[in-house]
Amino acid sequence: MKHTLAVFGSAFNPPSLGHRSVLERLGQFDKVLLLPSYQHAWGKIMLDYNARCDLVRAFISDIGQSNLELSTLEQQIATGDSAVTTFAVMEALQLQYPDSNITFVIGPDNFLSFQRFYNADEILKRWQVMACPETLPIRSTLIRNALVKKSDISHYTTPTVASMLINDNRFQFNEEQQGR
């Protein structure tokens, strides 16, 4: 039986309990890669990439789900400040994991706009795509808005991530970043 690999890409700007509600439903996969966007394809303003990777590491640790792993593949294959396409990620992963069945997990943010993805039809031909909306409607936008207003975020993300967002100066959101 082939190794099963799920790829869950997101801005993780920051990771939320909505993300967690998707990940908890991916227990059937041998490995689930959490893949933070290096540069957002549609111009979303995000925290620094390395800071978001630190948040994802803490998020994975808090969740404690044994099949989760951070992937920095987008940074590795990026050219300059250009966005990395899902198609390029999937091709690179297929080379890295040639004997795996790879599934691209898409969340609700991108599900309705999947046809906008570069080579969307080719992705559908070559790999499985799994639409997996969150069961808990908590988005990163709620966290960013709460942080700007200095409100409690403990019910929007995991404990370590919440602590990092509140106590570490690398995680400062301004009004411009709030709703994007």
C-alpha atoms as a PDB file:
ATOM      1  CA  MET A   1       0.000   0.000   0.000  1.00  0.00           C
ATOM      2  CA  LYS A   2       1.334   3.443  -0.960  1.00  0.00           C
ATOM      3  CA  HIS A   3       2.272   6.038   1.606  1.00  0.00           C
ATOM      4  CA  THR A   4      -0.412   8.735   1.844  1.00  0.00           C
ATOM      5  CA  LEU A   5       0.542  12.371   2.024  1.00  0.00           C
ATOM      6  CA  ALA A   6      -1.786  15.333   2.456  1.00  0.00           C
ATOM      7  CA  VAL A   7      -0.679  18.888   1.746  1.00  0.00           C
ATOM      8  CA  PHE A   8      -2.516  21.670   3.555  1.00  0.00           C
ATOM      9  CA  GLY A   9      -1.362  25.036   2.307  1.00  0.00           C
ATOM     10  CA  SER A  10      -2.484  28.244   3.949  1.00  0.00           C
ATOM     11  CA  ALA A  11      -1.188  31.679   4.817  1.00  0.00           C
ATOM     12  CA  PHE A  12      -1.341  30.616   8.506  1.00  0.00           C
ATOM     13  CA  ASN A  13      -1.483  34.327   9.221  1.00  0.00           C
ATOM     14  CA  PRO A  14      -1.832  33.237  12.056  1.00  0.00           C
ATOM     15  CA  PRO A  15      -2.900  29.593  12.587  1.00  0.00           C
ATOM     16  CA  SER A  16      -6.432  29.349  13.992  1.00  0.00           C
ATOM     17  CA  LEU A  17      -8.733  26.790  15.551  1.00  0.00           C
ATOM     18  CA  GLY A  18     -10.452  26.738  12.153  1.00  0.00           C
ATOM     19  CA  HIS A  19      -7.220  25.336  10.698  1.00  0.00           C
ATOM     20  CA  ARG A  20      -7.110  22.844  13.555  1.00  0.00           C
ATOM     21  CA  SER A  21     -10.656  21.673  12.810  1.00  0.00           C
ATOM     22  CA  VAL A  22      -9.512  20.766   9.277  1.00  0.00           C
ATOM     23  CA  LEU A  23      -6.342  19.037  10.447  1.00  0.00           C
ATOM     24  CA  GLU A  24      -8.198  16.903  12.978  1.00  0.00           C
ATOM     25  CA  ARG A  25     -10.144  15.361  10.083  1.00  0.00           C
ATOM     26  CA  LEU A  26      -6.962  14.294   8.260  1.00  0.00           C
ATOM     27  CA  GLY A  27      -5.946  11.486  10.596  1.00  0.00           C
ATOM     28  CA  GLN A  28      -6.216   8.866   7.837  1.00  0.00           C
ATOM     29  CA  PHE A  29      -3.091  10.238   6.112  1.00  0.00           C
ATOM     30  CA  ASP A  30       0.366   8.925   6.993  1.00  0.00           C
ATOM     31  CA  LYS A  31       1.716  12.473   6.875  1.00  0.00           C
ATOM     32  CA  VAL A  32       0.092  15.910   6.647  1.00  0.00           C
ATOM     33  CA  LEU A  33       2.344  18.749   5.557  1.00  0.00           C
ATOM     34  CA  LEU A  34       1.402  22.226   6.751  1.00  0.00           C
ATOM     35  CA  LEU A  35       2.707  24.508   4.049  1.00  0.00           C
ATOM     36  CA  PRO A  36       2.734  28.237   4.856  1.00  0.00           C
ATOM     37  CA  SER A  37       2.510  30.503   1.805  1.00  0.00           C
ATOM     38  CA  TYR A  38       5.873  32.061   1.047  1.00  0.00           C
ATOM     39  CA  GLN A  39       4.357  34.891  -0.988  1.00  0.00           C
ATOM     40  CA  HIS A  40       0.620  35.052  -1.443  1.00  0.00           C
ATOM     41  CA  ALA A  41      -0.509  34.580  -5.049  1.00  0.00           C
ATOM     42  CA  TRP A  42      -3.249  37.201  -4.731  1.00  0.00           C
ATOM     43  CA  GLY A  43      -1.312  39.838  -2.822  1.00  0.00           C
ATOM     44  CA  LYS A  44      -2.424  39.156   0.759  1.00  0.00           C
ATOM     45  CA  ILE A  45      -0.289  41.076   3.248  1.00  0.00           C
ATOM     46  CA  MET A  46       1.162  38.581   5.705  1.00  0.00           C
ATOM     47  CA  LEU A  47       3.499  38.426   8.666  1.00  0.00           C
ATOM     48  CA  ASP A  48       7.117  37.556   7.931  1.00  0.00           C
ATOM     49  CA  TYR A  49       7.450  34.018   6.555  1.00  0.00           C
ATOM     50  CA  ASN A  50       9.864  32.790   9.243  1.00  0.00           C
ATOM     51  CA  ALA A  51       7.632  34.205  11.985  1.00  0.00           C
ATOM     52  CA  ARG A  52       4.632  32.343  10.525  1.00  0.00           C
ATOM     53  CA  CYS A  53       6.710  29.145  10.383  1.00  0.00           C
ATOM     54  CA  ASP A  54       7.487  29.603  14.098  1.00  0.00           C
ATOM     55  CA  LEU A  55       3.748  29.956  14.759  1.00  0.00           C
ATOM     56  CA  VAL A  56       3.025  26.788  12.767  1.00  0.00           C
ATOM     57  CA  ARG A  57       5.670  24.846  14.720  1.00  0.00           C
ATOM     58  CA  ALA A  58       4.037  25.937  17.994  1.00  0.00           C
ATOM     59  CA  PHE A  59       0.608  25.158  16.566  1.00  0.00           C
ATOM     60  CA  ILE A  60       1.676  21.611  15.621  1.00  0.00           C
ATOM     61  CA  SER A  61       3.168  21.097  19.072  1.00  0.00           C
ATOM     62  CA  ASP A  62      -0.011  22.316  20.779  1.00  0.00           C
ATOM     63  CA  ILE A  63      -2.242  20.077  18.660  1.00  0.00           C
ATOM     64  CA  GLY A  64      -0.140  16.978  19.325  1.00  0.00           C
ATOM     65  CA  GLN A  65      -1.383  15.137  16.233  1.00  0.00           C
ATOM     66  CA  SER A  66       1.430  12.738  15.277  1.00  0.00           C
ATOM     67  CA  ASN A  67       1.061  12.964  11.483  1.00  0.00           C
ATOM     68  CA  LEU A  68       1.538  16.760  11.236  1.00  0.00           C
ATOM     69  CA  GLU A  69       4.743  18.308   9.935  1.00  0.00           C
ATOM     70  CA  LEU A  70       5.794  21.806   8.870  1.00  0.00           C
ATOM     71  CA  SER A  71       7.016  22.066   5.281  1.00  0.00           C
ATOM     72  CA  THR A  72       9.100  25.018   4.099  1.00  0.00           C
ATOM     73  CA  LEU A  73       9.038  23.788   0.517  1.00  0.00           C
ATOM     74  CA  GLU A  74       7.586  27.042  -0.834  1.00  0.00           C
ATOM     75  CA  GLN A  75      10.576  28.985   0.465  1.00  0.00           C
ATOM     76  CA  GLN A  76      12.940  26.383  -0.990  1.00  0.00           C
ATOM     77  CA  ILE A  77      11.486  26.549  -4.503  1.00  0.00           C
ATOM     78  CA  ALA A  78      10.623  30.266  -4.587  1.00  0.00           C
ATOM     79  CA  THR A  79      12.301  32.523  -7.100  1.00  0.00           C
ATOM     80  CA  GLY A  80      12.816  35.975  -5.650  1.00  0.00           C
ATOM     81  CA  ASP A  81       9.635  37.441  -4.209  1.00  0.00           C
ATOM     82  CA  SER A  82       7.336  35.709  -6.681  1.00  0.00           C
ATOM     83  CA  ALA A  83       4.435  33.643  -5.411  1.00  0.00           C
ATOM     84  CA  VAL A  84       4.859  29.884  -5.634  1.00  0.00           C
ATOM     85  CA  THR A  85       2.008  28.131  -7.404  1.00  0.00           C
ATOM     86  CA  THR A  86       0.226  25.090  -6.019  1.00  0.00           C
ATOM     87  CA  PHE A  87       1.133  23.312  -9.242  1.00  0.00           C
ATOM     88  CA  ALA A  88       4.859  23.937  -8.631  1.00  0.00           C
ATOM     89  CA  VAL A  89       4.499  22.730  -5.039  1.00  0.00           C
ATOM     90  CA  MET A  90       2.737  19.549  -6.116  1.00  0.00           C
ATOM     91  CA  GLU A  91       5.350  18.805  -8.781  1.00  0.00           C
ATOM     92  CA  ALA A  92       8.175  19.319  -6.277  1.00  0.00           C
ATOM     93  CA  LEU A  93       6.435  17.113  -3.708  1.00  0.00           C
ATOM     94  CA  GLN A  94       5.897  14.365  -6.270  1.00  0.00           C
ATOM     95  CA  LEU A  95       9.660  14.378  -6.920  1.00  0.00           C
ATOM     96  CA  GLN A  96      10.390  14.375  -3.183  1.00  0.00           C
ATOM     97  CA  TYR A  97       7.829  11.618  -2.444  1.00  0.00           C
ATOM     98  CA  PRO A  98       7.706   9.564  -5.679  1.00  0.00           C
ATOM     99  CA  ASP A  99       6.030   6.561  -4.063  1.00  0.00           C
ATOM    100  CA  SER A 100       3.302   8.507  -2.265  1.00  0.00           C
ATOM    101  CA  ASN A 101      -0.304   9.220  -3.085  1.00  0.00           C
ATOM    102  CA  ILE A 102      -0.468  12.981  -2.648  1.00  0.00           C
ATOM    103  CA  THR A 103      -3.663  14.839  -1.837  1.00  0.00           C
ATOM    104  CA  PHE A 104      -3.958  18.609  -1.929  1.00  0.00           C
ATOM    105  CA  VAL A 105      -6.292  19.741   0.850  1.00  0.00           C
ATOM    106  CA  ILE A 106      -8.103  22.941   0.072  1.00  0.00           C
ATOM    107  CA  GLY A 107      -9.918  25.021   2.627  1.00  0.00           C
ATOM    108  CA  PRO A 108     -13.042  27.119   2.270  1.00  0.00           C
ATOM    109  CA  ASP A 109     -11.113  30.294   1.417  1.00  0.00           C
ATOM    110  CA  ASN A 110      -9.888  28.774  -1.816  1.00  0.00           C
ATOM    111  CA  PHE A 111     -12.505  26.177  -2.646  1.00  0.00           C
ATOM    112  CA  LEU A 112     -14.780  28.492  -4.619  1.00  0.00           C
ATOM    113  CA  SER A 113     -11.871  30.076  -6.474  1.00  0.00           C
ATOM    114  CA  PHE A 114      -9.937  26.890  -7.296  1.00  0.00           C
ATOM    115  CA  GLN A 115     -10.259  27.471 -11.044  1.00  0.00           C
ATOM    116  CA  ARG A 116      -8.151  30.628 -10.554  1.00  0.00           C
ATOM    117  CA  PHE A 117      -5.213  28.446  -9.461  1.00  0.00           C
ATOM    118  CA  TYR A 118      -2.433  28.136 -12.019  1.00  0.00           C
ATOM    119  CA  ASN A 119      -2.931  24.871 -13.964  1.00  0.00           C
ATOM    120  CA  ALA A 120      -6.012  23.947 -11.907  1.00  0.00           C
ATOM    121  CA  ASP A 121      -7.159  21.373 -14.492  1.00  0.00           C
ATOM    122  CA  GLU A 122      -3.728  19.716 -14.541  1.00  0.00           C
ATOM    123  CA  ILE A 123      -3.695  19.568 -10.736  1.00  0.00           C
ATOM    124  CA  LEU A 124      -7.044  17.769 -10.841  1.00  0.00           C
ATOM    125  CA  LYS A 125      -5.718  15.288 -13.419  1.00  0.00           C
ATOM    126  CA  ARG A 126      -2.495  14.437 -11.599  1.00  0.00           C
ATOM    127  CA  TRP A 127      -3.379  14.573  -7.913  1.00  0.00           C
ATOM    128  CA  GLN A 128      -6.294  14.217  -5.594  1.00  0.00           C
ATOM    129  CA  VAL A 129      -7.867  17.433  -4.357  1.00  0.00           C
ATOM    130  CA  MET A 130      -9.875  17.270  -1.155  1.00  0.00           C
ATOM    131  CA  ALA A 131     -12.183  20.103  -0.174  1.00  0.00           C
ATOM    132  CA  CYS A 132     -12.193  20.190   3.609  1.00  0.00           C
ATOM    133  CA  PRO A 133     -13.965  23.193   5.097  1.00  0.00           C
ATOM    134  CA  GLU A 134     -13.396  23.891   8.747  1.00  0.00           C
ATOM    135  CA  THR A 135     -15.967  22.637  11.231  1.00  0.00           C
ATOM    136  CA  LEU A 136     -15.179  25.532  13.537  1.00  0.00           C
ATOM    137  CA  PRO A 137     -15.687  28.873  11.758  1.00  0.00           C
ATOM    138  CA  ILE A 138     -12.700  30.639  13.268  1.00  0.00           C
ATOM    139  CA  ARG A 139     -10.570  32.442  10.738  1.00  0.00           C
ATOM    140  CA  SER A 140      -7.195  34.141  11.028  1.00  0.00           C
ATOM    141  CA  THR A 141      -8.970  37.444  10.325  1.00  0.00           C
ATOM    142  CA  LEU A 142     -10.753  37.153  13.698  1.00  0.00           C
ATOM    143  CA  ILE A 143      -7.411  36.769  15.445  1.00  0.00           C
ATOM    144  CA  ARG A 144      -5.858  39.722  13.627  1.00  0.00           C
ATOM    145  CA  ASN A 145      -8.865  41.936  14.364  1.00  0.00           C
ATOM    146  CA  ALA A 146      -8.841  40.932  18.044  1.00  0.00           C
ATOM    147  CA  LEU A 147      -5.109  41.633  18.324  1.00  0.00           C
ATOM    148  CA  VAL A 148      -5.494  45.111  16.823  1.00  0.00           C
ATOM    149  CA  LYS A 149      -8.301  45.805  19.339  1.00  0.00           C
ATOM    150  CA  LYS A 150      -6.248  44.223  22.146  1.00  0.00           C
ATOM    151  CA  SER A 151      -9.048  41.693  22.787  1.00  0.00           C
ATOM    152  CA  ASP A 152      -8.743  38.145  24.096  1.00  0.00           C
ATOM    153  CA  ILE A 153      -7.664  35.617  21.435  1.00  0.00           C
ATOM    154  CA  SER A 154      -7.482  32.484  23.596  1.00  0.00           C
ATOM    155  CA  HIS A 155     -10.680  31.080  22.053  1.00  0.00           C
ATOM    156  CA  TYR A 156      -9.378  31.560  18.477  1.00  0.00           C
ATOM    157  CA  THR A 157      -6.066  29.656  18.497  1.00  0.00           C
ATOM    158  CA  THR A 158      -3.950  27.249  20.556  1.00  0.00           C
ATOM    159  CA  PRO A 159      -2.376  28.350  23.877  1.00  0.00           C
ATOM    160  CA  THR A 160       1.251  28.629  22.728  1.00  0.00           C
ATOM    161  CA  VAL A 161       0.294  30.461  19.531  1.00  0.00           C
ATOM    162  CA  ALA A 162      -1.877  32.876  21.527  1.00  0.00           C
ATOM    163  CA  SER A 163       0.987  33.542  23.931  1.00  0.00           C
ATOM    164  CA  MET A 164       3.432  34.137  21.077  1.00  0.00           C
ATOM    165  CA  LEU A 165       1.030  36.515  19.327  1.00  0.00           C
ATOM    166  CA  ILE A 166       0.516  38.542  22.488  1.00  0.00           C
ATOM    167  CA  ASN A 167       4.075  38.559  23.845  1.00  0.00           C
ATOM    168  CA  ASP A 168       6.394  38.574  20.816  1.00  0.00           C
ATOM    169  CA  ASN A 169       6.937  41.830  18.912  1.00  0.00           C
ATOM    170  CA  ARG A 170       7.367  39.959  15.620  1.00  0.00           C
ATOM    171  CA  PHE A 171       3.610  39.401  15.567  1.00  0.00           C
ATOM    172  CA  GLN A 172       2.248  42.901  15.273  1.00  0.00           C
ATOM    173  CA  PHE A 173      -0.758  43.459  13.027  1.00  0.00           C
ATOM    174  CA  ASN A 174      -1.805  46.890  11.896  1.00  0.00           C
ATOM    175  CA  GLU A 175      -5.152  48.148  10.600  1.00  0.00           C
ATOM    176  CA  GLU A 176      -4.098  47.494   6.976  1.00  0.00           C
ATOM    177  CA  GLN A 177      -3.496  43.794   7.681  1.00  0.00           C
ATOM    178  CA  GLN A 178      -6.655  43.281   9.721  1.00  0.00           C
ATOM    179  CA  GLY A 179      -9.173  42.147   7.181  1.00  0.00           C
ATOM    180  CA  ARG A 180      -6.930  40.741   4.462  1.00  0.00           C
END
